[in-house]
């Protein structure tokens, strides 16, 4: 009896070991696949974030460039406006007359102050 039981036990053990090995291998394979999937997902996420940050950077640079161009245009407009005003004043001779006229006014004020104070 003992011999038969021993045989049966050994057979069962071999079966069990085979099944256990299969199960273990399957589990290991599944874990490997999970790890690979995780790595792929992480790489994809990093690529996407890299693209996003690159896009954000490009957009930011474009926006800065637009702002700079706007500022330059504004300055050019202002310079043109100033030139126009100067040319208009010169044409009407307002500019040419105003300088000596203002100087005379200043002299008169100084003389009045002296006469009042003195």
PDB file of N, CA and C in Angstrom:
ATOM      1  N   UNK A   1       0.828  -1.205   0.000  1.00  0.00           N
ATOM      2  CA  UNK A   1       0.000   0.000   0.000  1.00  0.00           C
ATOM      3  C   UNK A   1       0.871   1.267   0.000  1.00  0.00           C
ATOM      4  N   UNK A   2       1.877   1.207   0.871  1.00  0.00           N
ATOM      5  CA  UNK A   2       2.705   2.394   0.972  1.00  0.00           C
ATOM      6  C   UNK A   2       3.364   2.714  -0.360  1.00  0.00           C
ATOM      7  N   UNK A   3       3.798   1.643  -1.060  1.00  0.00           N
ATOM      8  CA  UNK A   3       4.493   1.843  -2.326  1.00  0.00           C
ATOM      9  C   UNK A   3       3.579   2.519  -3.340  1.00  0.00           C
ATOM     10  N   UNK A   4       2.318   2.077  -3.406  1.00  0.00           N
ATOM     11  CA  UNK A   4       1.360   2.639  -4.339  1.00  0.00           C
ATOM     12  C   UNK A   4       1.108   4.113  -4.009  1.00  0.00           C
ATOM     13  N   UNK A   5       0.922   4.386  -2.724  1.00  0.00           N
ATOM     14  CA  UNK A   5       0.681   5.771  -2.316  1.00  0.00           C
ATOM     15  C   UNK A   5       1.863   6.654  -2.659  1.00  0.00           C
ATOM     16  N   UNK A   6       3.040   6.042  -2.448  1.00  0.00           N
ATOM     17  CA  UNK A   6       4.248   6.804  -2.749  1.00  0.00           C
ATOM     18  C   UNK A   6       4.298   7.145  -4.230  1.00  0.00           C
ATOM     19  N   UNK A   7       3.969   6.156  -5.084  1.00  0.00           N
ATOM     20  CA  UNK A   7       3.955   6.374  -6.531  1.00  0.00           C
ATOM     21  C   UNK A   7       2.964   7.481  -6.877  1.00  0.00           C
ATOM     22  N   UNK A   8       1.762   7.343  -6.298  1.00  0.00           N
ATOM     23  CA  UNK A   8       0.714   8.319  -6.584  1.00  0.00           C
ATOM     24  C   UNK A   8       1.162   9.722  -6.152  1.00  0.00           C
ATOM     25  N   UNK A   9       1.746   9.774  -4.955  1.00  0.00           N
ATOM     26  CA  UNK A   9       2.217  11.061  -4.463  1.00  0.00           C
ATOM     27  C   UNK A   9       3.265  11.662  -5.399  1.00  0.00           C
ATOM     28  N   UNK A  10       4.178  10.844  -5.861  1.00  0.00           N
ATOM     29  CA  UNK A  10       5.230  11.315  -6.765  1.00  0.00           C
ATOM     30  C   UNK A  10       4.627  11.796  -8.081  1.00  0.00           C
ATOM     31  N   UNK A  11       3.655  11.014  -8.585  1.00  0.00           N
ATOM     32  CA  UNK A  11       3.003  11.404  -9.834  1.00  0.00           C
ATOM     33  C   UNK A  11       2.290  12.742  -9.645  1.00  0.00           C
ATOM     34  N   UNK A  12       1.542  12.844  -8.561  1.00  0.00           N
ATOM     35  CA  UNK A  12       0.826  14.089  -8.272  1.00  0.00           C
ATOM     36  C   UNK A  12       1.806  15.258  -8.142  1.00  0.00           C
ATOM     37  N   UNK A  13       2.914  14.959  -7.470  1.00  0.00           N
ATOM     38  CA  UNK A  13       3.925  15.989  -7.277  1.00  0.00           C
ATOM     39  C   UNK A  13       4.457  16.468  -8.624  1.00  0.00           C
ATOM     40  N   UNK A  14       4.776  15.510  -9.514  1.00  0.00           N
ATOM     41  CA  UNK A  14       5.279  15.874 -10.843  1.00  0.00           C
ATOM     42  C   UNK A  14       4.254  16.705 -11.601  1.00  0.00           C
ATOM     43  N   UNK A  15       2.986  16.238 -11.550  1.00  0.00           N
ATOM     44  CA  UNK A  15       1.907  16.976 -12.213  1.00  0.00           C
ATOM     45  C   UNK A  15       1.853  18.404 -11.676  1.00  0.00           C
ATOM     46  N   UNK A  16       1.827  18.464 -10.343  1.00  0.00           N
ATOM     47  CA  UNK A  16       1.718  19.754  -9.670  1.00  0.00           C
ATOM     48  C   UNK A  16       2.895  20.644 -10.052  1.00  0.00           C
ATOM     49  N   UNK A  17       4.086  20.065 -10.058  1.00  0.00           N
ATOM     50  CA  UNK A  17       5.274  20.852 -10.393  1.00  0.00           C
ATOM     51  C   UNK A  17       5.175  21.373 -11.819  1.00  0.00           C
ATOM     52  N   UNK A  18       4.694  20.517 -12.726  1.00  0.00           N
ATOM     53  CA  UNK A  18       4.521  20.939 -14.118  1.00  0.00           C
ATOM     54  C   UNK A  18       3.526  22.080 -14.213  1.00  0.00           C
ATOM     55  N   UNK A  19       2.394  21.894 -13.539  1.00  0.00           N
ATOM     56  CA  UNK A  19       1.363  22.936 -13.562  1.00  0.00           C
ATOM     57  C   UNK A  19       1.892  24.221 -12.923  1.00  0.00           C
ATOM     58  N   UNK A  20       2.593  24.021 -11.790  1.00  0.00           N
ATOM     59  CA  UNK A  20       3.134  25.175 -11.083  1.00  0.00           C
ATOM     60  C   UNK A  20       4.117  25.930 -11.981  1.00  0.00           C
ATOM     61  N   UNK A  21       4.980  25.165 -12.673  1.00  0.00           N
ATOM     62  CA  UNK A  21       5.960  25.778 -13.561  1.00  0.00           C
ATOM     63  C   UNK A  21       5.248  26.565 -14.660  1.00  0.00           C
ATOM     64  N   UNK A  22       4.214  25.936 -15.244  1.00  0.00           N
ATOM     65  CA  UNK A  22       3.459  26.610 -16.309  1.00  0.00           C
ATOM     66  C   UNK A  22       2.846  27.907 -15.779  1.00  0.00           C
ATOM     67  N   UNK A  23       2.213  27.780 -14.596  1.00  0.00           N
ATOM     68  CA  UNK A  23       1.583  28.948 -13.998  1.00  0.00           C
ATOM     69  C   UNK A  23       2.612  30.046 -13.744  1.00  0.00           C
ATOM     70  N   UNK A  24       3.734  29.643 -13.188  1.00  0.00           N
ATOM     71  CA  UNK A  24       4.794  30.594 -12.858  1.00  0.00           C
ATOM     72  C   UNK A  24       5.294  31.290 -14.131  1.00  0.00           C
ATOM     73  N   UNK A  25       5.536  30.472 -15.178  1.00  0.00           N
ATOM     74  CA  UNK A  25       6.021  31.045 -16.437  1.00  0.00           C
ATOM     75  C   UNK A  25       5.002  32.016 -17.022  1.00  0.00           C
ATOM     76  N   UNK A  26       3.712  31.601 -16.982  1.00  0.00           N
ATOM     77  CA  UNK A  26       2.664  32.470 -17.513  1.00  0.00           C
ATOM     78  C   UNK A  26       2.627  33.793 -16.738  1.00  0.00           C
ATOM     79  N   UNK A  27       2.708  33.682 -15.409  1.00  0.00           N
ATOM     80  CA  UNK A  27       2.693  34.873 -14.570  1.00  0.00           C
ATOM     81  C   UNK A  27       3.879  35.784 -14.904  1.00  0.00           C
ATOM     82  N   UNK A  28       5.052  35.188 -15.050  1.00  0.00           N
ATOM     83  CA  UNK A  28       6.251  35.965 -15.383  1.00  0.00           C
ATOM     84  C   UNK A  28       6.079  36.661 -16.731  1.00  0.00           C
ATOM     85  N   UNK A  29       5.534  35.916 -17.715  1.00  0.00           N
ATOM     86  CA  UNK A  29       5.329  36.483 -19.045  1.00  0.00           C
ATOM     87  C   UNK A  29       4.350  37.657 -18.978  1.00  0.00           C
ATOM     88  N   UNK A  30       3.253  37.477 -18.225  1.00  0.00           N
ATOM     89  CA  UNK A  30       2.265  38.548 -18.083  1.00  0.00           C
ATOM     90  C   UNK A  30       2.882  39.783 -17.416  1.00  0.00           C
ATOM     91  N   UNK A  31       3.692  39.567 -16.387  1.00  0.00           N
ATOM     92  CA  UNK A  31       4.346  40.687 -15.711  1.00  0.00           C
ATOM     93  C   UNK A  31       5.281  41.426 -16.663  1.00  0.00           C
ATOM     94  N   UNK A  32       6.025  40.641 -17.461  1.00  0.00           N
ATOM     95  CA  UNK A  32       6.920  41.253 -18.443  1.00  0.00           C
ATOM     96  C   UNK A  32       6.130  42.127 -19.412  1.00  0.00           C
ATOM     97  N   UNK A  33       5.020  41.575 -19.931  1.00  0.00           N
ATOM     98  CA  UNK A  33       4.184  42.324 -20.875  1.00  0.00           C
ATOM     99  C   UNK A  33       3.655  43.603 -20.221  1.00  0.00           C
ATOM    100  N   UNK A  34       3.206  43.475 -18.966  1.00  0.00           N
ATOM    101  CA  UNK A  34       2.703  44.657 -18.258  1.00  0.00           C
ATOM    102  C   UNK A  34       3.791  45.723 -18.150  1.00  0.00           C
ATOM    103  N   UNK A  35       4.990  45.287 -17.760  1.00  0.00           N
ATOM    104  CA  UNK A  35       6.109  46.226 -17.632  1.00  0.00           C
ATOM    105  C   UNK A  35       6.410  46.900 -18.965  1.00  0.00           C
ATOM    106  N   UNK A  36       6.427  46.095 -20.046  1.00  0.00           N
ATOM    107  CA  UNK A  36       6.691  46.656 -21.377  1.00  0.00           C
ATOM    108  C   UNK A  36       5.624  47.675 -21.755  1.00  0.00           C
ATOM    109  N   UNK A  37       4.352  47.318 -21.498  1.00  0.00           N
ATOM    110  CA  UNK A  37       3.254  48.243 -21.798  1.00  0.00           C
ATOM    111  C   UNK A  37       3.404  49.540 -21.010  1.00  0.00           C
ATOM    112  N   UNK A  38       3.759  49.396 -19.717  1.00  0.00           N
ATOM    113  CA  UNK A  38       3.954  50.590 -18.887  1.00  0.00           C
ATOM    114  C   UNK A  38       5.048  51.475 -19.467  1.00  0.00           C
ATOM    115  N   UNK A  39       6.166  50.829 -19.833  1.00  0.00           N
ATOM    116  CA  UNK A  39       7.285  51.590 -20.394  1.00  0.00           C
ATOM    117  C   UNK A  39       6.864  52.305 -21.671  1.00  0.00           C
ATOM    118  N   UNK A  40       6.156  51.590 -22.554  1.00  0.00           N
ATOM    119  CA  UNK A  40       5.700  52.204 -23.812  1.00  0.00           C
ATOM    120  C   UNK A  40       4.793  53.395 -23.534  1.00  0.00           C
ATOM    121  N   UNK A  41       3.838  53.186 -22.611  1.00  0.00           N
ATOM    122  CA  UNK A  41       2.919  54.275 -22.277  1.00  0.00           C
ATOM    123  C   UNK A  41       3.683  55.483 -21.746  1.00  0.00           C
ATOM    124  N   UNK A  42       4.651  55.213 -20.867  1.00  0.00           N
ATOM    125  CA  UNK A  42       5.435  56.302 -20.282  1.00  0.00           C
ATOM    126  C   UNK A  42       6.225  57.036 -21.366  1.00  0.00           C
ATOM    127  N   UNK A  43       6.840  56.261 -22.279  1.00  0.00           N
ATOM    128  CA  UNK A  43       7.592  56.882 -23.373  1.00  0.00           C
ATOM    129  C   UNK A  43       6.674  57.740 -24.233  1.00  0.00           C
ATOM    130  N   UNK A  44       5.488  57.200 -24.554  1.00  0.00           N
ATOM    131  CA  UNK A  44       4.525  57.963 -25.360  1.00  0.00           C
ATOM    132  C   UNK A  44       4.136  59.254 -24.648  1.00  0.00           C
ATOM    133  N   UNK A  45       3.879  59.133 -23.335  1.00  0.00           N
ATOM    134  CA  UNK A  45       3.494  60.310 -22.561  1.00  0.00           C
ATOM    135  C   UNK A  45       4.614  61.347 -22.593  1.00  0.00           C
ATOM    136  N   UNK A  46       5.852  60.879 -22.410  1.00  0.00           N
ATOM    137  CA  UNK A  46       6.990  61.797 -22.426  1.00  0.00           C
ATOM    138  C   UNK A  46       7.132  62.457 -23.790  1.00  0.00           C
ATOM    139  N   UNK A  47       6.948  61.669 -24.858  1.00  0.00           N
ATOM    140  CA  UNK A  47       7.019  62.242 -26.208  1.00  0.00           C
ATOM    141  C   UNK A  47       5.963  63.321 -26.384  1.00  0.00           C
ATOM    142  N   UNK A  48       4.723  62.988 -25.956  1.00  0.00           N
ATOM    143  CA  UNK A  48       3.637  63.958 -26.085  1.00  0.00           C
ATOM    144  C   UNK A  48       3.963  65.226 -25.314  1.00  0.00           C
ATOM    145  N   UNK A  49       4.432  65.058 -24.066  1.00  0.00           N
ATOM    146  CA  UNK A  49       4.766  66.229 -23.253  1.00  0.00           C
ATOM    147  C   UNK A  49       5.896  67.020 -23.877  1.00  0.00           C
ATOM    148  N   UNK A  50       6.870  66.309 -24.435  1.00  0.00           N
ATOM    149  CA  UNK A  50       7.975  66.981 -25.116  1.00  0.00           C
ATOM    150  C   UNK A  50       7.467  67.796 -26.283  1.00  0.00           C
ATOM    151  N   UNK A  51       6.560  67.196 -27.066  1.00  0.00           N
ATOM    152  CA  UNK A  51       5.971  67.917 -28.201  1.00  0.00           C
ATOM    153  C   UNK A  51       5.205  69.127 -27.710  1.00  0.00           C
ATOM    154  N   UNK A  52       4.414  68.904 -26.637  1.00  0.00           N
ATOM    155  CA  UNK A  52       3.626  70.013 -26.099  1.00  0.00           C
ATOM    156  C   UNK A  52       4.531  71.150 -25.654  1.00  0.00           C
ATOM    157  N   UNK A  53       5.565  70.788 -24.891  1.00  0.00           N
ATOM    158  CA  UNK A  53       6.448  71.848 -24.383  1.00  0.00           C
ATOM    159  C   UNK A  53       7.142  72.549 -25.546  1.00  0.00           C
ATOM    160  N   UNK A  54       7.517  71.762 -26.576  1.00  0.00           N
ATOM    161  CA  UNK A  54       8.143  72.366 -27.749  1.00  0.00           C
ATOM    162  C   UNK A  54       7.160  73.324 -28.418  1.00  0.00           C
ATOM    163  N   UNK A  55       5.904  72.866 -28.549  1.00  0.00           N
ATOM    164  CA  UNK A  55       4.885  73.719 -29.171  1.00  0.00           C
ATOM    165  C   UNK A  55       4.678  74.983 -28.338  1.00  0.00           C
ATOM    166  N   UNK A  56       4.576  74.794 -27.011  1.00  0.00           N
ATOM    167  CA  UNK A  56       4.400  75.956 -26.139  1.00  0.00           C
ATOM    168  C   UNK A  56       5.554  76.930 -26.309  1.00  0.00           C
ATOM    169  N   UNK A  57       6.759  76.387 -26.361  1.00  0.00           N
ATOM    170  CA  UNK A  57       7.948  77.224 -26.515  1.00  0.00           C
ATOM    171  C   UNK A  57       7.870  77.997 -27.824  1.00  0.00           C
ATOM    172  N   UNK A  58       7.510  77.282 -28.913  1.00  0.00           N
ATOM    173  CA  UNK A  58       7.414  77.934 -30.220  1.00  0.00           C
ATOM    174  C   UNK A  58       6.344  79.020 -30.199  1.00  0.00           C
ATOM    175  N   UNK A  59       5.177  78.686 -29.615  1.00  0.00           N
ATOM    176  CA  UNK A  59       4.101  79.672 -29.535  1.00  0.00           C
ATOM    177  C   UNK A  59       4.558  80.895 -28.743  1.00  0.00           C
ATOM    178  N   UNK A  60       5.247  80.667 -27.634  1.00  0.00           N
ATOM    179  CA  UNK A  60       5.727  81.755 -26.790  1.00  0.00           C
ATOM    180  C   UNK A  60       6.693  82.638 -27.572  1.00  0.00           C
ATOM    181  N   UNK A  61       7.603  81.987 -28.328  1.00  0.00           N
ATOM    182  CA  UNK A  61       8.564  82.751 -29.121  1.00  0.00           C
ATOM    183  C   UNK A  61       7.846  83.564 -30.200  1.00  0.00           C
ATOM    184  N   UNK A  62       6.866  82.935 -30.869  1.00  0.00           N
ATOM    185  CA  UNK A  62       6.103  83.654 -31.894  1.00  0.00           C
ATOM    186  C   UNK A  62       5.385  84.852 -31.283  1.00  0.00           C
ATOM    187  N   UNK A  63       4.794  84.646 -30.116  1.00  0.00           N
ATOM    188  CA  UNK A  63       4.073  85.728 -29.448  1.00  0.00           C
ATOM    189  C   UNK A  63       5.024  86.876 -29.099  1.00  0.00           C
ATOM    190  N   UNK A  64       6.192  86.529 -28.578  1.00  0.00           N
ATOM    191  CA  UNK A  64       7.194  87.552 -28.246  1.00  0.00           C
ATOM    192  C   UNK A  64       7.574  88.329 -29.499  1.00  0.00           C
ATOM    193  N   UNK A  65       7.781  87.592 -30.600  1.00  0.00           N
ATOM    194  CA  UNK A  65       8.167  88.227 -31.859  1.00  0.00           C
ATOM    195  C   UNK A  65       7.073  89.196 -32.318  1.00  0.00           C
ATOM    196  N   UNK A  66       5.808  88.743 -32.231  1.00  0.00           N
ATOM    197  CA  UNK A  66       4.685  89.609 -32.616  1.00  0.00           C
ATOM    198  C   UNK A  66       4.668  90.882 -31.774  1.00  0.00           C
ATOM    199  N   UNK A  67       4.864  90.720 -30.461  1.00  0.00           N
ATOM    200  CA  UNK A  67       4.868  91.888 -29.571  1.00  0.00           C
ATOM    201  C   UNK A  67       5.990  92.851 -29.938  1.00  0.00           C
ATOM    202  N   UNK A  68       7.158  92.284 -30.231  1.00  0.00           N
ATOM    203  CA  UNK A  68       8.306  93.118 -30.604  1.00  0.00           C
ATOM    204  C   UNK A  68       8.011  93.872 -31.897  1.00  0.00           C
ATOM    205  N   UNK A  69       7.419  93.156 -32.871  1.00  0.00           N
ATOM    206  CA  UNK A  69       7.068  93.801 -34.142  1.00  0.00           C
ATOM    207  C   UNK A  69       6.059  94.926 -33.913  1.00  0.00           C
ATOM    208  N   UNK A  70       5.071  94.679 -33.052  1.00  0.00           N
ATOM    209  CA  UNK A  70       4.078  95.711 -32.748  1.00  0.00           C
ATOM    210  C   UNK A  70       4.754  96.942 -32.154  1.00  0.00           C
ATOM    211  N   UNK A  71       5.670  96.700 -31.211  1.00  0.00           N
ATOM    212  CA  UNK A  71       6.381  97.810 -30.568  1.00  0.00           C
ATOM    213  C   UNK A  71       7.188  98.595 -31.607  1.00  0.00           C
ATOM    214  N   UNK A  72       7.854  97.871 -32.512  1.00  0.00           N
ATOM    215  CA  UNK A  72       8.633  98.539 -33.563  1.00  0.00           C
ATOM    216  C   UNK A  72       7.721  99.380 -34.455  1.00  0.00           C
ATOM    217  N   UNK A  73       6.577  98.816 -34.848  1.00  0.00           N
ATOM    218  CA  UNK A  73       5.635  99.561 -35.687  1.00  0.00           C
ATOM    219  C   UNK A  73       5.160 100.820 -34.967  1.00  0.00           C
ATOM    220  N   UNK A  74       4.879 100.668 -33.666  1.00  0.00           N
ATOM    221  CA  UNK A  74       4.418 101.806 -32.883  1.00  0.00           C
ATOM    222  C   UNK A  74       5.473 102.912 -32.874  1.00  0.00           C
ATOM    223  N   UNK A  75       6.731 102.511 -32.650  1.00  0.00           N
ATOM    224  CA  UNK A  75       7.824 103.482 -32.636  1.00  0.00           C
ATOM    225  C   UNK A  75       7.957 104.169 -33.990  1.00  0.00           C
ATOM    226  N   UNK A  76       7.879 103.388 -35.063  1.00  0.00           N
ATOM    227  CA  UNK A  76       7.968 103.959 -36.409  1.00  0.00           C
ATOM    228  C   UNK A  76       6.843 104.966 -36.641  1.00  0.00           C
ATOM    229  N   UNK A  77       5.630 104.609 -36.219  1.00  0.00           N
ATOM    230  CA  UNK A  77       4.491 105.515 -36.386  1.00  0.00           C
ATOM    231  C   UNK A  77       4.734 106.818 -35.635  1.00  0.00           C
ATOM    232  N   UNK A  78       5.239 106.670 -34.406  1.00  0.00           N
ATOM    233  CA  UNK A  78       5.491 107.854 -33.590  1.00  0.00           C
ATOM    234  C   UNK A  78       6.538 108.753 -34.249  1.00  0.00           C
ATOM    235  N   UNK A  79       7.611 108.137 -34.746  1.00  0.00           N
ATOM    236  CA  UNK A  79       8.656 108.907 -35.422  1.00  0.00           C
ATOM    237  C   UNK A  79       8.091 109.621 -36.648  1.00  0.00           C
ATOM    238  N   UNK A  80       7.281 108.902 -37.429  1.00  0.00           N
ATOM    239  CA  UNK A  80       6.665 109.514 -38.613  1.00  0.00           C
ATOM    240  C   UNK A  80       5.807 110.695 -38.204  1.00  0.00           C
ATOM    241  N   UNK A  81       5.025 110.507 -37.143  1.00  0.00           N
ATOM    242  CA  UNK A  81       4.143 111.569 -36.664  1.00  0.00           C
ATOM    243  C   UNK A  81       4.962 112.793 -36.252  1.00  0.00           C
ATOM    244  N   UNK A  82       6.044 112.557 -35.519  1.00  0.00           N
ATOM    245  CA  UNK A  82       6.899 113.674 -35.091  1.00  0.00           C
ATOM    246  C   UNK A  82       7.489 114.396 -36.296  1.00  0.00           C
ATOM    247  N   UNK A  83       7.958 113.627 -37.276  1.00  0.00           N
ATOM    248  CA  UNK A  83       8.519 114.241 -38.486  1.00  0.00           C
ATOM    249  C   UNK A  83       7.462 115.071 -39.207  1.00  0.00           C
ATOM    250  N   UNK A  84       6.250 114.535 -39.282  1.00  0.00           N
ATOM    251  CA  UNK A  84       5.154 115.261 -39.940  1.00  0.00           C
ATOM    252  C   UNK A  84       4.890 116.586 -39.237  1.00  0.00           C
ATOM    253  N   UNK A  85       4.840 116.511 -37.896  1.00  0.00           N
ATOM    254  CA  UNK A  85       4.579 117.731 -37.135  1.00  0.00           C
ATOM    255  C   UNK A  85       5.669 118.772 -37.377  1.00  0.00           C
ATOM    256  N   UNK A  86       6.912 118.333 -37.362  1.00  0.00           N
ATOM    257  CA  UNK A  86       8.029 119.257 -37.577  1.00  0.00           C
ATOM    258  C   UNK A  86       7.938 119.864 -38.971  1.00  0.00           C
ATOM    259  N   UNK A  87       7.693 119.028 -39.975  1.00  0.00           N
ATOM    260  CA  UNK A  87       7.611 119.551 -41.351  1.00  0.00           C
ATOM    261  C   UNK A  87       6.432 120.510 -41.482  1.00  0.00           C
ATOM    262  N   UNK A  88       5.317 120.192 -40.835  1.00  0.00           N
ATOM    263  CA  UNK A  88       4.142 121.069 -40.900  1.00  0.00           C
ATOM    264  C   UNK A  88       4.458 122.412 -40.250  1.00  0.00           C
ATOM    265  N   UNK A  89       5.130 122.357 -39.104  1.00  0.00           N
ATOM    266  CA  UNK A  89       5.483 123.603 -38.417  1.00  0.00           C
ATOM    267  C   UNK A  89       6.442 124.432 -39.258  1.00  0.00           C
ATOM    268  N   UNK A  90       7.389 123.750 -39.874  1.00  0.00           N
ATOM    269  CA  UNK A  90       8.346 124.473 -40.716  1.00  0.00           C
ATOM    270  C   UNK A  90       7.627 125.087 -41.907  1.00  0.00           C
ATOM    271  N   UNK A  91       6.707 124.317 -42.501  1.00  0.00           N
ATOM    272  CA  UNK A  91       5.980 124.827 -43.666  1.00  0.00           C
ATOM    273  C   UNK A  91       5.160 126.053 -43.298  1.00  0.00           C
ATOM    274  N   UNK A  92       4.535 126.016 -42.157  1.00  0.00           N
ATOM    275  CA  UNK A  92       3.707 127.160 -41.744  1.00  0.00           C
ATOM    276  C   UNK A  92       4.550 128.237 -41.065  1.00  0.00           C
ATOM    277  N   UNK A  93       5.825 127.960 -40.941  1.00  0.00           N
ATOM    278  CA  UNK A  93       6.797 128.867 -40.313  1.00  0.00           C
ATOM    279  C   UNK A  93       6.466 129.147 -38.848  1.00  0.00           C
ATOM    280  N   UNK A  94       5.652 128.294 -38.340  1.00  0.00           N
ATOM    281  CA  UNK A  94       5.283 128.440 -36.942  1.00  0.00           C
ATOM    282  C   UNK A  94       6.492 128.096 -36.067  1.00  0.00           C
ATOM    283  N   UNK A  95       7.169 127.052 -36.465  1.00  0.00           N
ATOM    284  CA  UNK A  95       8.322 126.562 -35.719  1.00  0.00           C
ATOM    285  C   UNK A  95       9.454 127.583 -35.760  1.00  0.00           C
ATOM    286  N   UNK A  96       9.694 128.129 -36.938  1.00  0.00           N
ATOM    287  CA  UNK A  96      10.795 129.089 -37.099  1.00  0.00           C
ATOM    288  C   UNK A  96      10.551 130.354 -36.279  1.00  0.00           C
ATOM    289  N   UNK A  97       9.307 130.801 -36.200  1.00  0.00           N
ATOM    290  CA  UNK A  97       9.013 132.034 -35.461  1.00  0.00           C
ATOM    291  C   UNK A  97       8.899 131.793 -33.961  1.00  0.00           C
ATOM    292  N   UNK A  98       8.485 130.596 -33.591  1.00  0.00           N
ATOM    293  CA  UNK A  98       8.174 130.360 -32.176  1.00  0.00           C
ATOM    294  C   UNK A  98       9.415 130.408 -31.293  1.00  0.00           C
ATOM    295  N   UNK A  99      10.551 129.963 -31.794  1.00  0.00           N
ATOM    296  CA  UNK A  99      11.752 129.922 -30.954  1.00  0.00           C
ATOM    297  C   UNK A  99      12.189 131.333 -30.545  1.00  0.00           C
ATOM    298  N   UNK A 100      12.416 132.240 -31.492  1.00  0.00           N
ATOM    299  CA  UNK A 100      12.827 133.585 -31.059  1.00  0.00           C
ATOM    300  C   UNK A 100      11.739 134.276 -30.241  1.00  0.00           C
ATOM    301  N   UNK A 101      10.491 134.037 -30.568  1.00  0.00           N
ATOM    302  CA  UNK A 101       9.381 134.664 -29.868  1.00  0.00           C
ATOM    303  C   UNK A 101       9.388 134.235 -28.398  1.00  0.00           C
ATOM    304  N   UNK A 102       9.562 132.904 -28.150  1.00  0.00           N
ATOM    305  CA  UNK A 102       9.594 132.393 -26.780  1.00  0.00           C
ATOM    306  C   UNK A 102      10.799 132.955 -26.026  1.00  0.00           C
ATOM    307  N   UNK A 103      11.941 133.081 -26.711  1.00  0.00           N
ATOM    308  CA  UNK A 103      13.131 133.637 -26.064  1.00  0.00           C
ATOM    309  C   UNK A 103      12.873 135.085 -25.639  1.00  0.00           C
ATOM    310  N   UNK A 104      12.204 135.849 -26.494  1.00  0.00           N
ATOM    311  CA  UNK A 104      11.884 137.241 -26.166  1.00  0.00           C
ATOM    312  C   UNK A 104      10.962 137.314 -24.961  1.00  0.00           C
ATOM    313  N   UNK A 105       9.977 136.389 -24.917  1.00  0.00           N
ATOM    314  CA  UNK A 105       9.047 136.363 -23.790  1.00  0.00           C
ATOM    315  C   UNK A 105       9.799 136.119 -22.490  1.00  0.00           C
ATOM    316  N   UNK A 106      10.721 135.143 -22.537  1.00  0.00           N
ATOM    317  CA  UNK A 106      11.515 134.823 -21.344  1.00  0.00           C
ATOM    318  C   UNK A 106      12.318 136.043 -20.895  1.00  0.00           C
ATOM    319  N   UNK A 107      12.924 136.746 -21.839  1.00  0.00           N
ATOM    320  CA  UNK A 107      13.719 137.939 -21.510  1.00  0.00           C
ATOM    321  C   UNK A 107      12.832 138.993 -20.859  1.00  0.00           C
ATOM    322  N   UNK A 108      11.635 139.185 -21.428  1.00  0.00           N
ATOM    323  CA  UNK A 108      10.713 140.180 -20.880  1.00  0.00           C
ATOM    324  C   UNK A 108      10.322 139.833 -19.444  1.00  0.00           C
ATOM    325  N   UNK A 109      10.071 138.523 -19.193  1.00  0.00           N
ATOM    326  CA  UNK A 109       9.689 138.099 -17.845  1.00  0.00           C
ATOM    327  C   UNK A 109      10.822 138.380 -16.861  1.00  0.00           C
ATOM    328  N   UNK A 110      12.034 138.063 -17.276  1.00  0.00           N
ATOM    329  CA  UNK A 110      13.197 138.290 -16.409  1.00  0.00           C
ATOM    330  C   UNK A 110      13.325 139.784 -16.094  1.00  0.00           C
ATOM    331  N   UNK A 111      13.153 140.638 -17.107  1.00  0.00           N
ATOM    332  CA  UNK A 111      13.251 142.087 -16.902  1.00  0.00           C
ATOM    333  C   UNK A 111      12.160 142.586 -15.965  1.00  0.00           C
ATOM    334  N   UNK A 112      10.926 142.043 -16.121  1.00  0.00           N
ATOM    335  CA  UNK A 112       9.819 142.452 -15.249  1.00  0.00           C
ATOM    336  C   UNK A 112      10.099 142.067 -13.802  1.00  0.00           C
ATOM    337  N   UNK A 113      10.617 140.839 -13.625  1.00  0.00           N
ATOM    338  CA  UNK A 113      10.940 140.380 -12.270  1.00  0.00           C
ATOM    339  C   UNK A 113      11.987 141.291 -11.625  1.00  0.00           C
ATOM    340  N   UNK A 114      12.978 141.693 -12.412  1.00  0.00           N
ATOM    341  CA  UNK A 114      14.040 142.570 -11.896  1.00  0.00           C
ATOM    342  C   UNK A 114      13.468 143.928 -11.496  1.00  0.00           C
ATOM    343  N   UNK A 115      12.593 144.455 -12.346  1.00  0.00           N
ATOM    344  CA  UNK A 115      12.044 145.785 -12.066  1.00  0.00           C
ATOM    345  C   UNK A 115      11.126 145.750 -10.844  1.00  0.00           C
ATOM    346  N   UNK A 116      10.364 144.658 -10.686  1.00  0.00           N
ATOM    347  CA  UNK A 116       9.481 144.555  -9.518  1.00  0.00           C
ATOM    348  C   UNK A 116      10.285 144.361  -8.240  1.00  0.00           C
ATOM    349  N   UNK A 117      11.296 143.509  -8.350  1.00  0.00           N
ATOM    350  CA  UNK A 117      12.124 143.205  -7.168  1.00  0.00           C
ATOM    351  C   UNK A 117      13.033 144.368  -6.796  1.00  0.00           C
ATOM    352  N   UNK A 118      13.480 145.129  -7.761  1.00  0.00           N
ATOM    353  CA  UNK A 118      14.479 146.177  -7.537  1.00  0.00           C
ATOM    354  C   UNK A 118      13.887 147.455  -7.169  1.00  0.00           C
TER     355      UNK A 118
END
